[in-house]
Amino acid sequence: MELTGICPECETKLAMPPLAVGETFTCPECVLTLRINAVDDGVLELEMVQKQLRDWGQ
């Protein structure tokens, strides 16, 4: 069963293979990292994930 969702940033409609709650993936349009918070009847509830960049002390 294919899962569907909408990117909360760019509102791109997404179609994904089955993924588990808690998994992350990248939106193909805006390249934002998204986490799956829930799946309800094949519809993904998505949240933006902030990735921390390393501070190399420069």
C-alpha atoms as a PDB file:
ATOM      1  CA  MET A   1       0.000   0.000   0.000  1.00  0.00           C
ATOM      2  CA  GLU A   2       1.407   3.364  -1.010  1.00  0.00           C
ATOM      3  CA  LEU A   3       1.339   6.127   1.598  1.00  0.00           C
ATOM      4  CA  THR A   4       0.481   9.731   0.775  1.00  0.00           C
ATOM      5  CA  GLY A   5       1.164  13.015   2.491  1.00  0.00           C
ATOM      6  CA  ILE A   6       1.869  16.695   1.967  1.00  0.00           C
ATOM      7  CA  CYS A   7       5.157  18.414   2.790  1.00  0.00           C
ATOM      8  CA  PRO A   8       4.443  20.966   5.552  1.00  0.00           C
ATOM      9  CA  GLU A   9       6.966  23.386   4.032  1.00  0.00           C
ATOM     10  CA  CYS A  10       6.395  23.441   0.260  1.00  0.00           C
ATOM     11  CA  GLU A  11       3.013  21.623   0.168  1.00  0.00           C
ATOM     12  CA  THR A  12       4.239  19.091  -2.412  1.00  0.00           C
ATOM     13  CA  LYS A  13       2.036  16.006  -2.619  1.00  0.00           C
ATOM     14  CA  LEU A  14       4.111  12.979  -1.668  1.00  0.00           C
ATOM     15  CA  ALA A  15       3.617   9.299  -2.484  1.00  0.00           C
ATOM     16  CA  MET A  16       5.861   6.970  -0.481  1.00  0.00           C
ATOM     17  CA  PRO A  17       6.370   3.230  -0.127  1.00  0.00           C
ATOM     18  CA  PRO A  18       5.386   1.851   3.287  1.00  0.00           C
ATOM     19  CA  LEU A  19       7.506   3.464   5.996  1.00  0.00           C
ATOM     20  CA  ALA A  20       7.368   3.168   9.783  1.00  0.00           C
ATOM     21  CA  VAL A  21       6.407   5.863  12.272  1.00  0.00           C
ATOM     22  CA  GLY A  22       9.551   7.709  13.356  1.00  0.00           C
ATOM     23  CA  GLU A  23      11.399   7.237  10.062  1.00  0.00           C
ATOM     24  CA  THR A  24      12.770  10.275   8.266  1.00  0.00           C
ATOM     25  CA  PHE A  25      13.094  11.084   4.573  1.00  0.00           C
ATOM     26  CA  THR A  26      13.828  14.089   2.387  1.00  0.00           C
ATOM     27  CA  CYS A  27      11.177  15.979   0.450  1.00  0.00           C
ATOM     28  CA  PRO A  28      12.153  15.698  -3.236  1.00  0.00           C
ATOM     29  CA  GLU A  29      11.023  19.267  -3.922  1.00  0.00           C
ATOM     30  CA  CYS A  30      12.372  21.458  -1.077  1.00  0.00           C
ATOM     31  CA  VAL A  31      14.965  18.960   0.298  1.00  0.00           C
ATOM     32  CA  LEU A  32      13.642  19.386   3.837  1.00  0.00           C
ATOM     33  CA  THR A  33      14.037  16.457   6.218  1.00  0.00           C
ATOM     34  CA  LEU A  34      10.635  15.167   7.356  1.00  0.00           C
ATOM     35  CA  ARG A  35       9.715  12.704  10.101  1.00  0.00           C
ATOM     36  CA  ILE A  36       6.646  10.479  10.031  1.00  0.00           C
ATOM     37  CA  ASN A  37       4.680  11.108  13.238  1.00  0.00           C
ATOM     38  CA  ALA A  38       1.693   8.918  12.405  1.00  0.00           C
ATOM     39  CA  VAL A  39      -0.021   7.019   9.605  1.00  0.00           C
ATOM     40  CA  ASP A  40      -3.822   7.147   9.442  1.00  0.00           C
ATOM     41  CA  ASP A  41      -5.552   5.143   6.677  1.00  0.00           C
ATOM     42  CA  GLY A  42      -2.501   5.471   4.431  1.00  0.00           C
ATOM     43  CA  VAL A  43      -2.100   9.222   5.031  1.00  0.00           C
ATOM     44  CA  LEU A  44       1.167  10.416   6.564  1.00  0.00           C
ATOM     45  CA  GLU A  45       1.300  12.965   9.369  1.00  0.00           C
ATOM     46  CA  LEU A  46       4.617  14.719   8.775  1.00  0.00           C
ATOM     47  CA  GLU A  47       6.802  17.049  10.824  1.00  0.00           C
ATOM     48  CA  MET A  48       9.837  19.085   9.800  1.00  0.00           C
ATOM     49  CA  VAL A  49      13.090  17.957  11.399  1.00  0.00           C
ATOM     50  CA  GLN A  50      15.830  20.457  12.112  1.00  0.00           C
ATOM     51  CA  LYS A  51      19.236  19.010  11.505  1.00  0.00           C
ATOM     52  CA  GLN A  52      21.990  20.466  13.614  1.00  0.00           C
ATOM     53  CA  LEU A  53      25.050  21.430  11.672  1.00  0.00           C
ATOM     54  CA  ARG A  54      28.409  20.646  13.182  1.00  0.00           C
ATOM     55  CA  ASP A  55      30.319  23.538  14.644  1.00  0.00           C
ATOM     56  CA  TRP A  56      33.874  23.036  13.489  1.00  0.00           C
ATOM     57  CA  GLY A  57      35.066  25.975  15.631  1.00  0.00           C
ATOM     58  CA  GLN A  58      35.821  28.199  12.691  1.00  0.00           C
END
